[in-house]
C-alpha atoms as a PDB file:
ATOM      1  CA  MET A   1     -35.225 -22.818 162.505  1.00  0.00           C
ATOM      2  CA  SER A   2     -35.245 -25.621 159.981  1.00  0.00           C
ATOM      3  CA  GLU A   3     -32.347 -25.793 157.587  1.00  0.00           C
ATOM      4  CA  SER A   4     -32.403 -26.471 153.890  1.00  0.00           C
ATOM      5  CA  SER A   5     -30.869 -29.763 152.806  1.00  0.00           C
ATOM      6  CA  GLN A   6     -28.251 -27.833 150.813  1.00  0.00           C
ATOM      7  CA  ARG A   7     -26.748 -24.573 151.986  1.00  0.00           C
ATOM      8  CA  ARG A   8     -24.797 -21.806 150.315  1.00  0.00           C
ATOM      9  CA  ILE A   9     -22.147 -20.465 152.688  1.00  0.00           C
ATOM     10  CA  VAL A  10     -19.891 -17.460 152.109  1.00  0.00           C
ATOM     11  CA  ILE A  11     -16.776 -16.778 154.191  1.00  0.00           C
ATOM     12  CA  GLY A  12     -15.294 -13.297 154.555  1.00  0.00           C
ATOM     13  CA  ASP A  13     -11.633 -12.281 154.396  1.00  0.00           C
ATOM     14  CA  VAL A  14      -9.606 -14.821 156.417  1.00  0.00           C
ATOM     15  CA  HIS A  15      -6.195 -13.102 156.194  1.00  0.00           C
ATOM     16  CA  GLY A  16      -4.135 -16.045 157.358  1.00  0.00           C
ATOM     17  CA  HIS A  17      -6.167 -16.911 160.469  1.00  0.00           C
ATOM     18  CA  TYR A  18      -6.275 -20.650 159.934  1.00  0.00           C
ATOM     19  CA  GLU A  19      -7.219 -21.657 163.474  1.00  0.00           C
ATOM     20  CA  GLY A  20     -10.079 -19.179 163.511  1.00  0.00           C
ATOM     21  CA  LEU A  21     -11.264 -20.528 160.173  1.00  0.00           C
ATOM     22  CA  MET A  22     -11.240 -24.085 161.491  1.00  0.00           C
ATOM     23  CA  THR A  23     -13.262 -23.028 164.526  1.00  0.00           C
ATOM     24  CA  LEU A  24     -15.729 -21.197 162.302  1.00  0.00           C
ATOM     25  CA  LEU A  25     -16.192 -24.135 159.938  1.00  0.00           C
ATOM     26  CA  GLU A  26     -16.621 -26.508 162.866  1.00  0.00           C
ATOM     27  CA  ALA A  27     -19.543 -24.369 163.999  1.00  0.00           C
ATOM     28  CA  ILE A  28     -21.024 -24.087 160.497  1.00  0.00           C
ATOM     29  CA  ALA A  29     -20.463 -27.827 159.901  1.00  0.00           C
ATOM     30  CA  PRO A  30     -20.907 -27.778 156.119  1.00  0.00           C
ATOM     31  CA  ALA A  31     -22.260 -31.037 154.713  1.00  0.00           C
ATOM     32  CA  SER A  32     -20.768 -32.647 151.638  1.00  0.00           C
ATOM     33  CA  ASP A  33     -23.459 -31.180 149.385  1.00  0.00           C
ATOM     34  CA  ASP A  34     -23.253 -27.656 150.823  1.00  0.00           C
ATOM     35  CA  ARG A  35     -21.537 -25.056 148.679  1.00  0.00           C
ATOM     36  CA  VAL A  36     -18.821 -23.015 150.387  1.00  0.00           C
ATOM     37  CA  TYR A  37     -17.357 -19.865 148.877  1.00  0.00           C
ATOM     38  CA  PHE A  38     -14.503 -17.585 149.976  1.00  0.00           C
ATOM     39  CA  LEU A  39     -14.420 -13.915 148.991  1.00  0.00           C
ATOM     40  CA  GLY A  40     -10.637 -13.712 148.618  1.00  0.00           C
ATOM     41  CA  ASP A  41      -7.875 -12.291 150.812  1.00  0.00           C
ATOM     42  CA  LEU A  42      -7.069 -15.700 152.240  1.00  0.00           C
ATOM     43  CA  ILE A  43      -3.531 -14.450 152.829  1.00  0.00           C
ATOM     44  CA  ASP A  44      -1.427 -11.726 154.482  1.00  0.00           C
ATOM     45  CA  ARG A  45      -1.463 -10.183 157.962  1.00  0.00           C
ATOM     46  CA  GLY A  46      -2.349 -13.366 159.921  1.00  0.00           C
ATOM     47  CA  PRO A  47       0.114 -16.116 160.902  1.00  0.00           C
ATOM     48  CA  HIS A  48      -0.911 -19.115 158.750  1.00  0.00           C
ATOM     49  CA  SER A  49      -1.646 -18.001 155.200  1.00  0.00           C
ATOM     50  CA  SER A  50      -0.112 -21.147 153.677  1.00  0.00           C
ATOM     51  CA  TYR A  51      -2.407 -23.372 155.759  1.00  0.00           C
ATOM     52  CA  VAL A  52      -5.478 -21.402 154.720  1.00  0.00           C
ATOM     53  CA  VAL A  53      -4.587 -21.537 151.027  1.00  0.00           C
ATOM     54  CA  ASN A  54      -3.822 -25.232 151.125  1.00  0.00           C
ATOM     55  CA  PHE A  55      -7.072 -25.993 152.967  1.00  0.00           C
ATOM     56  CA  VAL A  56      -9.302 -24.055 150.564  1.00  0.00           C
ATOM     57  CA  LYS A  57      -7.447 -25.418 147.528  1.00  0.00           C
ATOM     58  CA  GLU A  58      -7.476 -29.051 148.650  1.00  0.00           C
ATOM     59  CA  ASN A  59     -11.183 -28.951 149.525  1.00  0.00           C
ATOM     60  CA  ASN A  60     -11.986 -27.444 146.134  1.00  0.00           C
ATOM     61  CA  TYR A  61     -14.043 -24.662 147.681  1.00  0.00           C
ATOM     62  CA  GLY A  62     -15.100 -21.748 145.540  1.00  0.00           C
ATOM     63  CA  CYS A  63     -12.744 -18.803 145.994  1.00  0.00           C
ATOM     64  CA  LEU A  64     -12.371 -15.365 144.482  1.00  0.00           C
ATOM     65  CA  LEU A  65      -9.267 -13.335 143.730  1.00  0.00           C
ATOM     66  CA  GLY A  66      -8.716 -10.721 146.424  1.00  0.00           C
ATOM     67  CA  ASN A  67      -6.499  -7.677 146.235  1.00  0.00           C
ATOM     68  CA  HIS A  68      -3.930  -9.382 148.477  1.00  0.00           C
ATOM     69  CA  GLU A  69      -3.656 -12.398 146.153  1.00  0.00           C
ATOM     70  CA  GLN A  70      -3.400  -9.967 143.254  1.00  0.00           C
ATOM     71  CA  MET A  71      -0.583  -8.074 144.980  1.00  0.00           C
ATOM     72  CA  LEU A  72       1.261 -11.326 145.660  1.00  0.00           C
ATOM     73  CA  LEU A  73       1.007 -12.382 142.014  1.00  0.00           C
ATOM     74  CA  HIS A  74       2.165  -8.978 140.816  1.00  0.00           C
ATOM     75  CA  ILE A  75       5.222  -9.094 143.057  1.00  0.00           C
ATOM     76  CA  LEU A  76       6.218 -12.733 142.639  1.00  0.00           C
ATOM     77  CA  THR A  77       5.498 -13.321 138.942  1.00  0.00           C
ATOM     78  CA  SER A  78       6.874 -10.090 137.454  1.00  0.00           C
ATOM     79  CA  ASP A  79      10.396  -9.797 136.072  1.00  0.00           C
ATOM     80  CA  SER A  80      11.071  -6.400 137.622  1.00  0.00           C
ATOM     81  CA  ILE A  81       9.286  -4.911 140.618  1.00  0.00           C
ATOM     82  CA  PRO A  82       9.943  -1.388 141.898  1.00  0.00           C
ATOM     83  CA  THR A  83      11.143  -1.344 145.483  1.00  0.00           C
ATOM     84  CA  PRO A  84       8.162   0.761 146.687  1.00  0.00           C
ATOM     85  CA  ALA A  85       5.694  -1.849 145.348  1.00  0.00           C
ATOM     86  CA  MET A  86       7.565  -4.638 147.105  1.00  0.00           C
ATOM     87  CA  GLN A  87       7.687  -2.655 150.335  1.00  0.00           C
ATOM     88  CA  ALA A  88       3.964  -1.858 150.085  1.00  0.00           C
ATOM     89  CA  TRP A  89       3.067  -5.551 149.804  1.00  0.00           C
ATOM     90  CA  LEU A  90       5.362  -6.564 152.642  1.00  0.00           C
ATOM     91  CA  TYR A  91       3.921  -3.783 154.810  1.00  0.00           C
ATOM     92  CA  SER A  92       0.370  -4.950 153.932  1.00  0.00           C
ATOM     93  CA  GLY A  93       1.038  -8.426 155.306  1.00  0.00           C
ATOM     94  CA  GLY A  94       3.162 -10.048 152.646  1.00  0.00           C
ATOM     95  CA  GLN A  95       5.986 -10.724 155.078  1.00  0.00           C
ATOM     96  CA  ALA A  96       3.676 -12.851 157.225  1.00  0.00           C
ATOM     97  CA  THR A  97       2.588 -14.806 154.161  1.00  0.00           C
ATOM     98  CA  ILE A  98       6.161 -15.570 153.094  1.00  0.00           C
ATOM     99  CA  ALA A  99       7.061 -16.614 156.640  1.00  0.00           C
ATOM    100  CA  SER A 100       4.137 -19.062 156.726  1.00  0.00           C
ATOM    101  CA  TYR A 101       5.682 -21.205 153.969  1.00  0.00           C
ATOM    102  CA  GLU A 102       8.500 -23.683 154.480  1.00  0.00           C
ATOM    103  CA  GLU A 103      11.830 -22.114 153.574  1.00  0.00           C
ATOM    104  CA  ALA A 104       9.902 -18.902 152.822  1.00  0.00           C
ATOM    105  CA  THR A 105       9.066 -20.231 149.348  1.00  0.00           C
ATOM    106  CA  ILE A 106       5.560 -20.150 147.882  1.00  0.00           C
ATOM    107  CA  PRO A 107       5.139 -23.286 145.732  1.00  0.00           C
ATOM    108  CA  HIS A 108       4.252 -23.055 142.047  1.00  0.00           C
ATOM    109  CA  GLU A 109       1.004 -24.950 142.588  1.00  0.00           C
ATOM    110  CA  HIS A 110      -0.204 -22.211 144.915  1.00  0.00           C
ATOM    111  CA  LEU A 111       0.856 -19.478 142.506  1.00  0.00           C
ATOM    112  CA  ASP A 112      -0.909 -21.279 139.647  1.00  0.00           C
ATOM    113  CA  TRP A 113      -4.016 -21.638 141.810  1.00  0.00           C
ATOM    114  CA  PHE A 114      -4.000 -17.911 142.587  1.00  0.00           C
ATOM    115  CA  LYS A 115      -3.683 -17.128 138.866  1.00  0.00           C
ATOM    116  CA  ALA A 116      -6.789 -19.218 138.105  1.00  0.00           C
ATOM    117  CA  LEU A 117      -9.026 -17.593 140.729  1.00  0.00           C
ATOM    118  CA  PRO A 118     -12.058 -15.812 139.237  1.00  0.00           C
ATOM    119  CA  THR A 119     -12.806 -12.161 139.985  1.00  0.00           C
ATOM    120  CA  TYR A 120     -16.519 -12.847 140.497  1.00  0.00           C
ATOM    121  CA  LEU A 121     -19.040 -15.675 140.765  1.00  0.00           C
ATOM    122  CA  ASP A 122     -22.648 -15.400 139.587  1.00  0.00           C
ATOM    123  CA  LEU A 123     -24.902 -17.666 141.679  1.00  0.00           C
ATOM    124  CA  GLY A 124     -28.126 -16.467 140.096  1.00  0.00           C
ATOM    125  CA  ASP A 125     -29.741 -14.406 142.848  1.00  0.00           C
ATOM    126  CA  ILE A 126     -26.344 -13.788 144.494  1.00  0.00           C
ATOM    127  CA  TRP A 127     -23.271 -12.213 142.899  1.00  0.00           C
ATOM    128  CA  LEU A 128     -19.954 -12.640 144.700  1.00  0.00           C
ATOM    129  CA  THR A 129     -16.898 -10.449 144.231  1.00  0.00           C
ATOM    130  CA  HIS A 130     -14.107  -9.310 146.502  1.00  0.00           C
ATOM    131  CA  ALA A 131     -14.510  -5.526 146.619  1.00  0.00           C
ATOM    132  CA  GLY A 132     -17.456  -4.485 144.455  1.00  0.00           C
ATOM    133  CA  ILE A 133     -18.293  -3.101 141.024  1.00  0.00           C
ATOM    134  CA  ASP A 134     -17.684   0.283 139.453  1.00  0.00           C
ATOM    135  CA  PRO A 135     -21.218   1.622 138.910  1.00  0.00           C
ATOM    136  CA  TYR A 136     -20.023   3.880 136.084  1.00  0.00           C
ATOM    137  CA  ILE A 137     -18.465   1.199 133.862  1.00  0.00           C
ATOM    138  CA  PRO A 138     -20.303  -1.570 131.959  1.00  0.00           C
ATOM    139  CA  LEU A 139     -19.749  -4.951 133.572  1.00  0.00           C
ATOM    140  CA  ALA A 140     -18.031  -6.401 130.500  1.00  0.00           C
ATOM    141  CA  GLU A 141     -15.399  -3.629 130.604  1.00  0.00           C
ATOM    142  CA  GLN A 142     -14.451  -4.044 134.256  1.00  0.00           C
ATOM    143  CA  THR A 143     -11.246  -5.726 135.346  1.00  0.00           C
ATOM    144  CA  ALA A 144      -9.608  -7.090 138.465  1.00  0.00           C
ATOM    145  CA  GLU A 145      -8.762  -3.492 139.363  1.00  0.00           C
ATOM    146  CA  GLN A 146     -12.430  -2.758 140.019  1.00  0.00           C
ATOM    147  CA  PHE A 147     -13.448  -6.162 141.411  1.00  0.00           C
ATOM    148  CA  CYS A 148     -10.489  -6.367 143.810  1.00  0.00           C
ATOM    149  CA  TRP A 149      -9.949  -2.763 144.897  1.00  0.00           C
ATOM    150  CA  ILE A 150     -12.985  -0.486 144.628  1.00  0.00           C
ATOM    151  CA  ARG A 151     -14.463   1.065 147.773  1.00  0.00           C
ATOM    152  CA  ASP A 152     -16.464   4.293 148.110  1.00  0.00           C
ATOM    153  CA  GLU A 153     -17.571   4.563 144.477  1.00  0.00           C
ATOM    154  CA  PHE A 154     -19.348   1.236 144.935  1.00  0.00           C
ATOM    155  CA  HIS A 155     -20.571   1.695 148.503  1.00  0.00           C
ATOM    156  CA  SER A 156     -22.228   5.009 147.592  1.00  0.00           C
ATOM    157  CA  ILE A 157     -24.364   3.722 144.714  1.00  0.00           C
ATOM    158  CA  GLN A 158     -27.889   5.133 144.865  1.00  0.00           C
ATOM    159  CA  GLN A 159     -29.651   2.032 143.555  1.00  0.00           C
ATOM    160  CA  PRO A 160     -28.723  -1.644 143.180  1.00  0.00           C
ATOM    161  CA  TYR A 161     -26.331  -2.419 140.338  1.00  0.00           C
ATOM    162  CA  PHE A 162     -28.319  -5.578 139.605  1.00  0.00           C
ATOM    163  CA  PRO A 163     -32.121  -5.455 139.908  1.00  0.00           C
ATOM    164  CA  ASP A 164     -32.329  -9.144 140.766  1.00  0.00           C
ATOM    165  CA  LYS A 165     -29.031 -10.025 142.497  1.00  0.00           C
ATOM    166  CA  LEU A 166     -27.539  -9.236 145.890  1.00  0.00           C
ATOM    167  CA  ILE A 167     -23.821  -8.456 145.661  1.00  0.00           C
ATOM    168  CA  ILE A 168     -21.866  -9.938 148.575  1.00  0.00           C
ATOM    169  CA  ILE A 169     -18.397  -8.502 149.149  1.00  0.00           C
ATOM    170  CA  GLY A 170     -15.454  -8.396 151.523  1.00  0.00           C
ATOM    171  CA  HIS A 171     -12.370  -6.133 151.205  1.00  0.00           C
ATOM    172  CA  THR A 172     -13.608  -3.134 153.206  1.00  0.00           C
ATOM    173  CA  ILE A 173     -13.733  -3.786 156.954  1.00  0.00           C
ATOM    174  CA  THR A 174     -17.303  -3.049 157.918  1.00  0.00           C
ATOM    175  CA  PHE A 175     -16.558  -0.865 160.947  1.00  0.00           C
ATOM    176  CA  THR A 176     -14.714   1.583 158.685  1.00  0.00           C
ATOM    177  CA  LEU A 177     -18.083   2.440 157.100  1.00  0.00           C
ATOM    178  CA  PRO A 178     -20.262   5.144 158.704  1.00  0.00           C
ATOM    179  CA  GLY A 179     -22.295   3.992 161.694  1.00  0.00           C
ATOM    180  CA  VAL A 180     -21.074   0.378 161.673  1.00  0.00           C
ATOM    181  CA  THR A 181     -19.603  -1.090 164.852  1.00  0.00           C
ATOM    182  CA  PRO A 182     -16.963  -3.863 165.016  1.00  0.00           C
ATOM    183  CA  GLY A 183     -18.401  -7.294 164.267  1.00  0.00           C
ATOM    184  CA  LYS A 184     -21.481  -5.993 162.452  1.00  0.00           C
ATOM    185  CA  LEU A 185     -22.132  -6.474 158.748  1.00  0.00           C
ATOM    186  CA  ALA A 186     -22.795  -3.493 156.467  1.00  0.00           C
ATOM    187  CA  GLN A 187     -25.602  -3.265 153.942  1.00  0.00           C
ATOM    188  CA  GLY A 188     -26.172  -0.748 151.172  1.00  0.00           C
ATOM    189  CA  GLN A 189     -28.139  -0.469 147.956  1.00  0.00           C
ATOM    190  CA  GLY A 190     -28.017  -4.004 146.607  1.00  0.00           C
ATOM    191  CA  TRP A 191     -24.838  -5.012 148.456  1.00  0.00           C
ATOM    192  CA  LEU A 192     -23.793  -6.726 151.672  1.00  0.00           C
ATOM    193  CA  ASP A 193     -20.275  -6.479 153.137  1.00  0.00           C
ATOM    194  CA  ILE A 194     -19.188  -9.362 155.400  1.00  0.00           C
ATOM    195  CA  ASP A 195     -15.524  -8.461 156.007  1.00  0.00           C
ATOM    196  CA  THR A 196     -15.646  -7.864 159.754  1.00  0.00           C
ATOM    197  CA  GLY A 197     -11.884  -7.454 160.141  1.00  0.00           C
ATOM    198  CA  ALA A 198     -10.554 -10.791 161.422  1.00  0.00           C
ATOM    199  CA  TYR A 199      -6.982  -9.467 161.628  1.00  0.00           C
ATOM    200  CA  HIS A 200      -7.784  -6.037 163.020  1.00  0.00           C
ATOM    201  CA  PRO A 201      -7.194  -5.418 166.750  1.00  0.00           C
ATOM    202  CA  ARG A 202     -10.436  -3.416 166.972  1.00  0.00           C
ATOM    203  CA  SER A 203     -12.443  -6.435 165.840  1.00  0.00           C
ATOM    204  CA  GLY A 204     -11.018  -9.937 165.436  1.00  0.00           C
ATOM    205  CA  TRP A 205     -14.310 -11.219 164.045  1.00  0.00           C
ATOM    206  CA  LEU A 206     -14.257 -13.665 161.118  1.00  0.00           C
ATOM    207  CA  THR A 207     -17.684 -14.054 159.527  1.00  0.00           C
ATOM    208  CA  GLY A 208     -19.457 -16.843 157.689  1.00  0.00           C
ATOM    209  CA  LEU A 209     -22.857 -16.250 156.082  1.00  0.00           C
ATOM    210  CA  ASP A 210     -25.345 -19.070 155.562  1.00  0.00           C
ATOM    211  CA  ILE A 211     -27.284 -17.506 152.701  1.00  0.00           C
ATOM    212  CA  THR A 212     -29.859 -20.288 152.610  1.00  0.00           C
ATOM    213  CA  ASN A 213     -30.975 -19.832 156.206  1.00  0.00           C
ATOM    214  CA  ASN A 214     -30.039 -16.156 156.732  1.00  0.00           C
ATOM    215  CA  LEU A 215     -27.702 -17.048 159.576  1.00  0.00           C
ATOM    216  CA  ILE A 216     -24.431 -15.422 160.597  1.00  0.00           C
ATOM    217  CA  TYR A 217     -21.626 -17.444 162.210  1.00  0.00           C
ATOM    218  CA  GLN A 218     -18.722 -15.542 163.742  1.00  0.00           C
ATOM    219  CA  VAL A 219     -15.542 -16.439 165.571  1.00  0.00           C
ATOM    220  CA  ASN A 220     -13.302 -13.930 167.293  1.00  0.00           C
ATOM    221  CA  VAL A 221      -9.733 -14.969 166.525  1.00  0.00           C
ATOM    222  CA  PHE A 222      -8.312 -13.054 169.498  1.00  0.00           C
ATOM    223  CA  GLN A 223     -10.839 -14.012 172.165  1.00  0.00           C
ATOM    224  CA  ASN A 224     -11.506 -17.534 170.835  1.00  0.00           C
ATOM    225  CA  CYS A 225     -15.278 -17.179 171.154  1.00  0.00           C
ATOM    226  CA  LEU A 226     -18.156 -18.035 168.829  1.00  0.00           C
ATOM    227  CA  ARG A 227     -21.579 -16.606 168.181  1.00  0.00           C
ATOM    228  CA  THR A 228     -24.468 -17.354 165.837  1.00  0.00           C
ATOM    229  CA  LEU A 229     -27.243 -14.903 165.103  1.00  0.00           C
ATOM    230  CA  PRO A 230     -29.913 -14.150 162.510  1.00  0.00           C
ATOM    231  CA  LEU A 231     -28.724 -12.027 159.612  1.00  0.00           C
ATOM    232  CA  THR A 232     -31.244  -9.316 160.513  1.00  0.00           C
ATOM    233  CA  GLU A 233     -29.565  -8.834 163.900  1.00  0.00           C
ATOM    234  CA  ALA A 234     -26.073  -8.594 162.431  1.00  0.00           C
ATOM    235  CA  VAL A 235     -26.617  -5.988 159.713  1.00  0.00           C
ATOM    236  CA  ILE A 236     -26.390  -2.203 159.864  1.00  0.00           C
ATOM    237  CA  ASN A 237     -27.683  -0.171 156.917  1.00  0.00           C
ATOM    238  CA  VAL A 238     -25.332   2.357 155.346  1.00  0.00           C
ATOM    239  CA  GLU A 239     -26.975   5.222 153.479  1.00  0.00           C
ATOM    240  CA  PRO A 240     -25.317   6.218 150.178  1.00  0.00           C
ATOM    241  CA  SER A 241     -25.293   9.863 151.295  1.00  0.00           C
ATOM    242  CA  GLN A 242     -23.103   8.935 154.281  1.00  0.00           C
ATOM    243  CA  ILE A 243     -20.429   7.595 151.927  1.00  0.00           C
ATOM    244  CA  THR A 244     -20.809  10.495 149.488  1.00  0.00           C
ATOM    245  CA  ASN A 245     -20.463  13.051 152.273  1.00  0.00           C
ATOM    246  CA  ARG A 246     -17.389  11.261 153.610  1.00  0.00           C
ATOM    247  CA  ARG A 247     -15.771  11.421 150.154  1.00  0.00           C
ATOM    248  CA  LYS A 248     -16.333  15.195 150.021  1.00  0.00           C
ATOM    249  CA  LYS A 249     -14.517  15.842 153.299  1.00  0.00           C
END
């Protein structure tokens, strides 16, 4: 397969797995003119969130706000946080993020960088966001709440939200969707989910998508193994009715 001179590459939720990310990028080998984008959730759960953030920030890669970055900002930049909210973030991986920083202190430059992260990126034929879009609300009225957190309402859409754009998302681990096995990508009506659950013991797969050449690169952070395969071999279709029926149960 011949490769385009410039590639567009999208990386799924890293969740603090810096070594796995380095292995993945070594396999992808992005050139200086390739465009690399991260879908958010760089942090929490894995052991090296600070390394991941610093790497993406210093390389000036495109990156979206994920729900875990949003939680961190809510906890660390608010004057008063209820104890349950703090406990929820720590339980969701925040403790690992704090521990990954020297003296358990997240520097202001990282907090400022998180604050500046966009909630979506429009690449023309591709639209990137962390979690999805609420199909019942006009785009201009949607907020980080929808872009960072939505799940079934988006996955169950009956027709593409955009007629001319593929929405690429993370946030929802693909094997939690009906009929999808660990390591596989999930595809619905106008959307593609590439969060294959790098931190999850049932999976361990971190995914990178070469949009230009329709190639999938994956590293398993637990087994330290790599694989590359055509996008068509990595995707499982999810019917909207499967999501709708699950919501009714």
